[in-house]
Each structure stands twice: as C-alpha cells, then as structure tokens.
C-alpha cells in the first residue's frame, strides 16, 4: 500500500476564522441592546465612560455622548 506523505492541504487557502466579538459588543449583547437603542442606555454609557481608553467604542456613540478619549493613552507599558 502506497502511503501519501506531506500536507494534503498544501496550497489551498485557509478557512475563514471568525473574529471574536469586541468587549463593547459583548457588553451590548449582555444588556440586550440594538444599534438603535445603544445611545439611550444609561448602563452602557457608564460602561463606556469607564472603559473609553481601554476598549474600542464606536466613534458615533462617543460623539453622541460627548465622551473624549485620551489620545496620549496607548495601553502599552
């Protein structure tokens, strides 16, 4: 019996691996919000104010609430 050697997937494109949700998306799902109801949520606003320099928050939401992000903060040590 002839044994094939090597990787049978050589040269084939990799399968798409879905990206995990961002921390903001996880919080929105946890609160049960939609894009239309995000701006009206006081709990989400508090979370965004606490985490605006740590996690990605959509710019349209930051502008709607008037939250300023510290541009000097890079998160790197």
PDB file of N, CA and C in Angstrom:
ATOM      1  N   UNK A   1       0.842  -1.170   0.000  1.00  0.00           N
ATOM      2  CA  UNK A   1       0.000   0.000   0.000  1.00  0.00           C
ATOM      3  C   UNK A   1       0.892   1.239   0.000  1.00  0.00           C
ATOM      4  N   UNK A   2       0.599   2.171  -0.893  1.00  0.00           N
ATOM      5  CA  UNK A   2       1.378   3.384  -1.028  1.00  0.00           C
ATOM      6  C   UNK A   2       0.901   4.418  -0.015  1.00  0.00           C
ATOM      7  N   UNK A   3       1.834   4.926   0.745  1.00  0.00           N
ATOM      8  CA  UNK A   3       1.496   5.911   1.772  1.00  0.00           C
ATOM      9  C   UNK A   3       1.797   7.313   1.242  1.00  0.00           C
ATOM     10  N   UNK A   4       0.798   8.208   1.288  1.00  0.00           N
ATOM     11  CA  UNK A   4       1.000   9.582   0.851  1.00  0.00           C
ATOM     12  C   UNK A   4       1.646  10.375   1.968  1.00  0.00           C
ATOM     13  N   UNK A   5       2.601  11.183   1.594  1.00  0.00           N
ATOM     14  CA  UNK A   5       3.319  11.985   2.572  1.00  0.00           C
ATOM     15  C   UNK A   5       3.034  13.454   2.352  1.00  0.00           C
ATOM     16  N   UNK A   6       3.208  14.247   3.390  1.00  0.00           N
ATOM     17  CA  UNK A   6       3.061  15.691   3.274  1.00  0.00           C
ATOM     18  C   UNK A   6       1.673  16.173   3.672  1.00  0.00           C
ATOM     19  N   UNK A   7       1.478  17.442   3.546  1.00  0.00           N
ATOM     20  CA  UNK A   7       0.233  18.093   3.939  1.00  0.00           C
ATOM     21  C   UNK A   7      -0.741  18.060   2.756  1.00  0.00           C
ATOM     22  N   UNK A   8      -1.900  17.412   2.897  1.00  0.00           N
ATOM     23  CA  UNK A   8      -2.845  17.355   1.783  1.00  0.00           C
ATOM     24  C   UNK A   8      -3.498  18.707   1.482  1.00  0.00           C
ATOM     25  N   UNK A   9      -3.397  19.679   2.394  1.00  0.00           N
ATOM     26  CA  UNK A   9      -3.989  21.000   2.200  1.00  0.00           C
ATOM     27  C   UNK A   9      -2.990  22.030   1.680  1.00  0.00           C
ATOM     28  N   UNK A  10      -1.812  21.576   1.279  1.00  0.00           N
ATOM     29  CA  UNK A  10      -0.770  22.480   0.818  1.00  0.00           C
ATOM     30  C   UNK A  10      -1.250  23.251  -0.418  1.00  0.00           C
ATOM     31  N   UNK A  11      -1.138  24.575  -0.363  1.00  0.00           N
ATOM     32  CA  UNK A  11      -1.516  25.405  -1.489  1.00  0.00           C
ATOM     33  C   UNK A  11      -2.977  25.828  -1.490  1.00  0.00           C
ATOM     34  N   UNK A  12      -3.779  25.270  -0.651  1.00  0.00           N
ATOM     35  CA  UNK A  12      -5.187  25.649  -0.563  1.00  0.00           C
ATOM     36  C   UNK A  12      -5.336  26.842   0.378  1.00  0.00           C
ATOM     37  N   UNK A  13      -6.297  27.716   0.100  1.00  0.00           N
ATOM     38  CA  UNK A  13      -6.481  28.858   1.010  1.00  0.00           C
ATOM     39  C   UNK A  13      -6.993  28.399   2.373  1.00  0.00           C
ATOM     40  N   UNK A  14      -6.624  29.164   3.398  1.00  0.00           N
ATOM     41  CA  UNK A  14      -7.066  28.842   4.753  1.00  0.00           C
ATOM     42  C   UNK A  14      -8.551  29.122   4.901  1.00  0.00           C
ATOM     43  N   UNK A  15      -9.204  28.350   5.725  1.00  0.00           N
ATOM     44  CA  UNK A  15     -10.616  28.576   6.010  1.00  0.00           C
ATOM     45  C   UNK A  15     -10.754  29.862   6.823  1.00  0.00           C
ATOM     46  N   UNK A  16     -11.851  30.585   6.601  1.00  0.00           N
ATOM     47  CA  UNK A  16     -12.079  31.831   7.333  1.00  0.00           C
ATOM     48  C   UNK A  16     -12.360  31.529   8.800  1.00  0.00           C
ATOM     49  N   UNK A  17     -11.595  32.160   9.666  1.00  0.00           N
ATOM     50  CA  UNK A  17     -11.800  32.008  11.100  1.00  0.00           C
ATOM     51  C   UNK A  17     -12.509  33.269  11.588  1.00  0.00           C
ATOM     52  N   UNK A  18     -13.702  33.144  12.144  1.00  0.00           N
ATOM     53  CA  UNK A  18     -14.425  34.347  12.575  1.00  0.00           C
ATOM     54  C   UNK A  18     -13.715  35.043  13.732  1.00  0.00           C
ATOM     55  N   UNK A  19     -13.791  36.376  13.710  1.00  0.00           N
ATOM     56  CA  UNK A  19     -13.190  37.159  14.776  1.00  0.00           C
ATOM     57  C   UNK A  19     -14.069  37.096  16.023  1.00  0.00           C
ATOM     58  N   UNK A  20     -13.446  37.057  17.198  1.00  0.00           N
ATOM     59  CA  UNK A  20     -14.263  37.083  18.419  1.00  0.00           C
ATOM     60  C   UNK A  20     -14.882  38.464  18.597  1.00  0.00           C
ATOM     61  N   UNK A  21     -15.997  38.560  19.283  1.00  0.00           N
ATOM     62  CA  UNK A  21     -16.623  39.872  19.489  1.00  0.00           C
ATOM     63  C   UNK A  21     -15.750  40.759  20.373  1.00  0.00           C
ATOM     64  N   UNK A  22     -15.858  42.069  20.156  1.00  0.00           N
ATOM     65  CA  UNK A  22     -15.113  43.024  20.983  1.00  0.00           C
ATOM     66  C   UNK A  22     -15.776  43.123  22.349  1.00  0.00           C
ATOM     67  N   UNK A  23     -15.085  43.730  23.292  1.00  0.00           N
ATOM     68  CA  UNK A  23     -15.643  43.900  24.639  1.00  0.00           C
ATOM     69  C   UNK A  23     -16.907  44.760  24.587  1.00  0.00           C
ATOM     70  N   UNK A  24     -16.920  45.743  23.680  1.00  0.00           N
ATOM     71  CA  UNK A  24     -18.107  46.583  23.526  1.00  0.00           C
ATOM     72  C   UNK A  24     -19.285  45.743  23.029  1.00  0.00           C
ATOM     73  N   UNK A  25     -19.048  44.894  22.038  1.00  0.00           N
ATOM     74  CA  UNK A  25     -20.118  44.041  21.504  1.00  0.00           C
ATOM     75  C   UNK A  25     -20.638  43.068  22.556  1.00  0.00           C
ATOM     76  N   UNK A  26     -19.744  42.555  23.382  1.00  0.00           N
ATOM     77  CA  UNK A  26     -20.158  41.655  24.460  1.00  0.00           C
ATOM     78  C   UNK A  26     -21.059  42.394  25.444  1.00  0.00           C
ATOM     79  N   UNK A  27     -20.688  43.623  25.789  1.00  0.00           N
ATOM     80  CA  UNK A  27     -21.489  44.417  26.730  1.00  0.00           C
ATOM     81  C   UNK A  27     -22.855  44.759  26.140  1.00  0.00           C
ATOM     82  N   UNK A  28     -22.896  45.100  24.864  1.00  0.00           N
ATOM     83  CA  UNK A  28     -24.166  45.413  24.209  1.00  0.00           C
ATOM     84  C   UNK A  28     -25.089  44.195  24.222  1.00  0.00           C
ATOM     85  N   UNK A  29     -24.544  43.026  23.924  1.00  0.00           N
ATOM     86  CA  UNK A  29     -25.345  41.789  23.949  1.00  0.00           C
ATOM     87  C   UNK A  29     -25.820  41.471  25.359  1.00  0.00           C
ATOM     88  N   UNK A  30     -24.931  41.685  26.336  1.00  0.00           N
ATOM     89  CA  UNK A  30     -25.284  41.396  27.730  1.00  0.00           C
ATOM     90  C   UNK A  30     -26.452  42.264  28.191  1.00  0.00           C
ATOM     91  N   UNK A  31     -26.470  43.512  27.717  1.00  0.00           N
ATOM     92  CA  UNK A  31     -27.549  44.431  28.083  1.00  0.00           C
ATOM     93  C   UNK A  31     -28.775  44.269  27.186  1.00  0.00           C
ATOM     94  N   UNK A  32     -28.657  43.474  26.130  1.00  0.00           N
ATOM     95  CA  UNK A  32     -29.782  43.234  25.234  1.00  0.00           C
ATOM     96  C   UNK A  32     -30.145  44.441  24.381  1.00  0.00           C
ATOM     97  N   UNK A  33     -29.138  45.169  23.923  1.00  0.00           N
ATOM     98  CA  UNK A  33     -29.374  46.393  23.166  1.00  0.00           C
ATOM     99  C   UNK A  33     -29.188  46.168  21.668  1.00  0.00           C
ATOM    100  N   UNK A  34     -29.740  47.072  20.879  1.00  0.00           N
ATOM    101  CA  UNK A  34     -29.506  47.108  19.441  1.00  0.00           C
ATOM    102  C   UNK A  34     -28.791  48.413  19.127  1.00  0.00           C
ATOM    103  N   UNK A  35     -28.393  48.589  17.859  1.00  0.00           N
ATOM    104  CA  UNK A  35     -27.705  49.825  17.481  1.00  0.00           C
ATOM    105  C   UNK A  35     -28.598  51.035  17.727  1.00  0.00           C
ATOM    106  N   UNK A  36     -29.890  50.876  17.527  1.00  0.00           N
ATOM    107  CA  UNK A  36     -30.822  51.984  17.705  1.00  0.00           C
ATOM    108  C   UNK A  36     -31.023  52.353  19.182  1.00  0.00           C
ATOM    109  N   UNK A  37     -30.882  51.376  20.084  1.00  0.00           N
ATOM    110  CA  UNK A  37     -31.143  51.632  21.500  1.00  0.00           C
ATOM    111  C   UNK A  37     -29.876  51.894  22.324  1.00  0.00           C
ATOM    112  N   UNK A  38     -28.703  51.800  21.696  1.00  0.00           N
ATOM    113  CA  UNK A  38     -27.443  51.995  22.434  1.00  0.00           C
ATOM    114  C   UNK A  38     -27.339  53.396  23.036  1.00  0.00           C
ATOM    115  N   UNK A  39     -27.672  54.416  22.263  1.00  0.00           N
ATOM    116  CA  UNK A  39     -27.498  55.788  22.721  1.00  0.00           C
ATOM    117  C   UNK A  39     -28.419  56.147  23.882  1.00  0.00           C
ATOM    118  N   UNK A  40     -29.510  55.404  24.054  1.00  0.00           N
ATOM    119  CA  UNK A  40     -30.459  55.706  25.124  1.00  0.00           C
ATOM    120  C   UNK A  40     -30.162  54.940  26.417  1.00  0.00           C
ATOM    121  N   UNK A  41     -29.171  54.060  26.401  1.00  0.00           N
ATOM    122  CA  UNK A  41     -28.884  53.218  27.561  1.00  0.00           C
ATOM    123  C   UNK A  41     -27.939  53.920  28.536  1.00  0.00           C
ATOM    124  N   UNK A  42     -28.415  54.115  29.763  1.00  0.00           N
ATOM    125  CA  UNK A  42     -27.563  54.740  30.778  1.00  0.00           C
ATOM    126  C   UNK A  42     -26.498  53.767  31.284  1.00  0.00           C
ATOM    127  N   UNK A  43     -26.823  52.473  31.337  1.00  0.00           N
ATOM    128  CA  UNK A  43     -25.837  51.481  31.792  1.00  0.00           C
ATOM    129  C   UNK A  43     -24.678  51.376  30.814  1.00  0.00           C
ATOM    130  N   UNK A  44     -24.991  51.400  29.513  1.00  0.00           N
ATOM    131  CA  UNK A  44     -23.927  51.340  28.511  1.00  0.00           C
ATOM    132  C   UNK A  44     -23.083  52.605  28.543  1.00  0.00           C
ATOM    133  N   UNK A  45     -23.710  53.733  28.783  1.00  0.00           N
ATOM    134  CA  UNK A  45     -22.953  54.990  28.852  1.00  0.00           C
ATOM    135  C   UNK A  45     -21.961  54.965  30.009  1.00  0.00           C
ATOM    136  N   UNK A  46     -22.375  54.463  31.156  1.00  0.00           N
ATOM    137  CA  UNK A  46     -21.475  54.357  32.312  1.00  0.00           C
ATOM    138  C   UNK A  46     -20.308  53.433  31.979  1.00  0.00           C
ATOM    139  N   UNK A  47     -20.593  52.297  31.332  1.00  0.00           N
ATOM    140  CA  UNK A  47     -19.551  51.352  30.956  1.00  0.00           C
ATOM    141  C   UNK A  47     -18.577  52.005  29.980  1.00  0.00           C
ATOM    142  N   UNK A  48     -19.104  52.763  29.017  1.00  0.00           N
ATOM    143  CA  UNK A  48     -18.254  53.427  28.017  1.00  0.00           C
ATOM    144  C   UNK A  48     -17.385  54.508  28.649  1.00  0.00           C
ATOM    145  N   UNK A  49     -17.945  55.265  29.596  1.00  0.00           N
ATOM    146  CA  UNK A  49     -17.149  56.294  30.269  1.00  0.00           C
ATOM    147  C   UNK A  49     -15.996  55.681  31.049  1.00  0.00           C
ATOM    148  N   UNK A  50     -16.225  54.534  31.650  1.00  0.00           N
ATOM    149  CA  UNK A  50     -15.173  53.865  32.428  1.00  0.00           C
ATOM    150  C   UNK A  50     -14.116  53.226  31.532  1.00  0.00           C
ATOM    151  N   UNK A  51     -14.513  52.781  30.353  1.00  0.00           N
ATOM    152  CA  UNK A  51     -13.628  51.980  29.516  1.00  0.00           C
ATOM    153  C   UNK A  51     -13.266  52.623  28.185  1.00  0.00           C
ATOM    154  N   UNK A  52     -13.481  53.936  28.040  1.00  0.00           N
ATOM    155  CA  UNK A  52     -13.244  54.578  26.746  1.00  0.00           C
ATOM    156  C   UNK A  52     -11.772  54.559  26.330  1.00  0.00           C
ATOM    157  N   UNK A  53     -10.858  54.509  27.259  1.00  0.00           N
ATOM    158  CA  UNK A  53      -9.438  54.448  26.920  1.00  0.00           C
ATOM    159  C   UNK A  53      -8.901  53.023  26.906  1.00  0.00           C
ATOM    160  N   UNK A  54      -9.728  52.054  27.223  1.00  0.00           N
ATOM    161  CA  UNK A  54      -9.286  50.674  27.303  1.00  0.00           C
ATOM    162  C   UNK A  54      -9.791  49.821  26.149  1.00  0.00           C
ATOM    163  N   UNK A  55     -11.039  50.002  25.753  1.00  0.00           N
ATOM    164  CA  UNK A  55     -11.662  49.191  24.715  1.00  0.00           C
ATOM    165  C   UNK A  55     -12.162  50.056  23.575  1.00  0.00           C
ATOM    166  N   UNK A  56     -12.357  49.407  22.422  1.00  0.00           N
ATOM    167  CA  UNK A  56     -12.916  50.122  21.272  1.00  0.00           C
ATOM    168  C   UNK A  56     -14.392  50.405  21.513  1.00  0.00           C
ATOM    169  N   UNK A  57     -14.763  51.665  21.290  1.00  0.00           N
ATOM    170  CA  UNK A  57     -16.167  52.095  21.355  1.00  0.00           C
ATOM    171  C   UNK A  57     -16.408  52.858  20.062  1.00  0.00           C
ATOM    172  N   UNK A  58     -17.498  52.571  19.348  1.00  0.00           N
ATOM    173  CA  UNK A  58     -17.735  53.251  18.071  1.00  0.00           C
ATOM    174  C   UNK A  58     -17.726  54.776  18.223  1.00  0.00           C
ATOM    175  N   UNK A  59     -17.116  55.431  17.249  1.00  0.00           N
ATOM    176  CA  UNK A  59     -16.970  56.884  17.304  1.00  0.00           C
ATOM    177  C   UNK A  59     -18.308  57.601  17.324  1.00  0.00           C
ATOM    178  N   UNK A  60     -19.297  57.080  16.606  1.00  0.00           N
ATOM    179  CA  UNK A  60     -20.601  57.752  16.566  1.00  0.00           C
ATOM    180  C   UNK A  60     -21.238  57.792  17.949  1.00  0.00           C
ATOM    181  N   UNK A  61     -20.967  56.773  18.758  1.00  0.00           N
ATOM    182  CA  UNK A  61     -21.523  56.737  20.105  1.00  0.00           C
ATOM    183  C   UNK A  61     -20.757  57.687  21.033  1.00  0.00           C
ATOM    184  N   UNK A  62     -19.448  57.740  20.880  1.00  0.00           N
ATOM    185  CA  UNK A  62     -18.647  58.685  21.673  1.00  0.00           C
ATOM    186  C   UNK A  62     -19.054  60.128  21.372  1.00  0.00           C
ATOM    187  N   UNK A  63     -19.281  60.416  20.099  1.00  0.00           N
ATOM    188  CA  UNK A  63     -19.693  61.767  19.710  1.00  0.00           C
ATOM    189  C   UNK A  63     -21.085  62.092  20.229  1.00  0.00           C
ATOM    190  N   UNK A  64     -21.988  61.122  20.201  1.00  0.00           N
ATOM    191  CA  UNK A  64     -23.354  61.350  20.667  1.00  0.00           C
ATOM    192  C   UNK A  64     -23.372  61.686  22.154  1.00  0.00           C
ATOM    193  N   UNK A  65     -22.488  61.066  22.922  1.00  0.00           N
ATOM    194  CA  UNK A  65     -22.456  61.306  24.362  1.00  0.00           C
ATOM    195  C   UNK A  65     -21.453  62.373  24.761  1.00  0.00           C
ATOM    196  N   UNK A  66     -20.628  62.820  23.851  1.00  0.00           N
ATOM    197  CA  UNK A  66     -19.631  63.831  24.171  1.00  0.00           C
ATOM    198  C   UNK A  66     -18.493  63.298  25.020  1.00  0.00           C
ATOM    199  N   UNK A  67     -18.162  62.034  24.869  1.00  0.00           N
ATOM    200  CA  UNK A  67     -17.065  61.419  25.625  1.00  0.00           C
ATOM    201  C   UNK A  67     -15.772  61.642  24.852  1.00  0.00           C
ATOM    202  N   UNK A  68     -14.770  62.174  25.532  1.00  0.00           N
ATOM    203  CA  UNK A  68     -13.472  62.401  24.924  1.00  0.00           C
ATOM    204  C   UNK A  68     -12.528  61.274  25.296  1.00  0.00           C
ATOM    205  N   UNK A  69     -11.782  60.804  24.312  1.00  0.00           N
ATOM    206  CA  UNK A  69     -10.810  59.737  24.527  1.00  0.00           C
ATOM    207  C   UNK A  69      -9.441  60.374  24.642  1.00  0.00           C
ATOM    208  N   UNK A  70      -8.658  59.938  25.612  1.00  0.00           N
ATOM    209  CA  UNK A  70      -7.313  60.448  25.818  1.00  0.00           C
ATOM    210  C   UNK A  70      -6.420  59.902  24.706  1.00  0.00           C
ATOM    211  N   UNK A  71      -5.992  60.767  23.785  1.00  0.00           N
ATOM    212  CA  UNK A  71      -5.201  60.332  22.636  1.00  0.00           C
ATOM    213  C   UNK A  71      -3.773  59.953  23.035  1.00  0.00           C
ATOM    214  N   UNK A  72      -3.314  60.376  24.187  1.00  0.00           N
ATOM    215  CA  UNK A  72      -1.969  60.028  24.644  1.00  0.00           C
ATOM    216  C   UNK A  72      -1.893  58.637  25.227  1.00  0.00           C
ATOM    217  N   UNK A  73      -3.043  58.073  25.551  1.00  0.00           N
ATOM    218  CA  UNK A  73      -3.080  56.752  26.176  1.00  0.00           C
ATOM    219  C   UNK A  73      -2.942  55.693  25.105  1.00  0.00           C
ATOM    220  N   UNK A  74      -1.914  54.893  25.173  1.00  0.00           N
ATOM    221  CA  UNK A  74      -1.684  53.872  24.160  1.00  0.00           C
ATOM    222  C   UNK A  74      -1.948  52.474  24.685  1.00  0.00           C
ATOM    223  N   UNK A  75      -1.957  52.296  26.002  1.00  0.00           N
ATOM    224  CA  UNK A  75      -2.160  50.972  26.573  1.00  0.00           C
ATOM    225  C   UNK A  75      -0.885  50.162  26.646  1.00  0.00           C
ATOM    226  N   UNK A  76       0.182  50.624  26.024  1.00  0.00           N
ATOM    227  CA  UNK A  76       1.454  49.905  26.060  1.00  0.00           C
ATOM    228  C   UNK A  76       2.231  50.288  27.312  1.00  0.00           C
ATOM    229  N   UNK A  77       2.991  49.342  27.780  1.00  0.00           N
ATOM    230  CA  UNK A  77       3.757  49.574  29.006  1.00  0.00           C
ATOM    231  C   UNK A  77       5.034  50.306  28.736  1.00  0.00           C
TER     232      UNK A  77
END
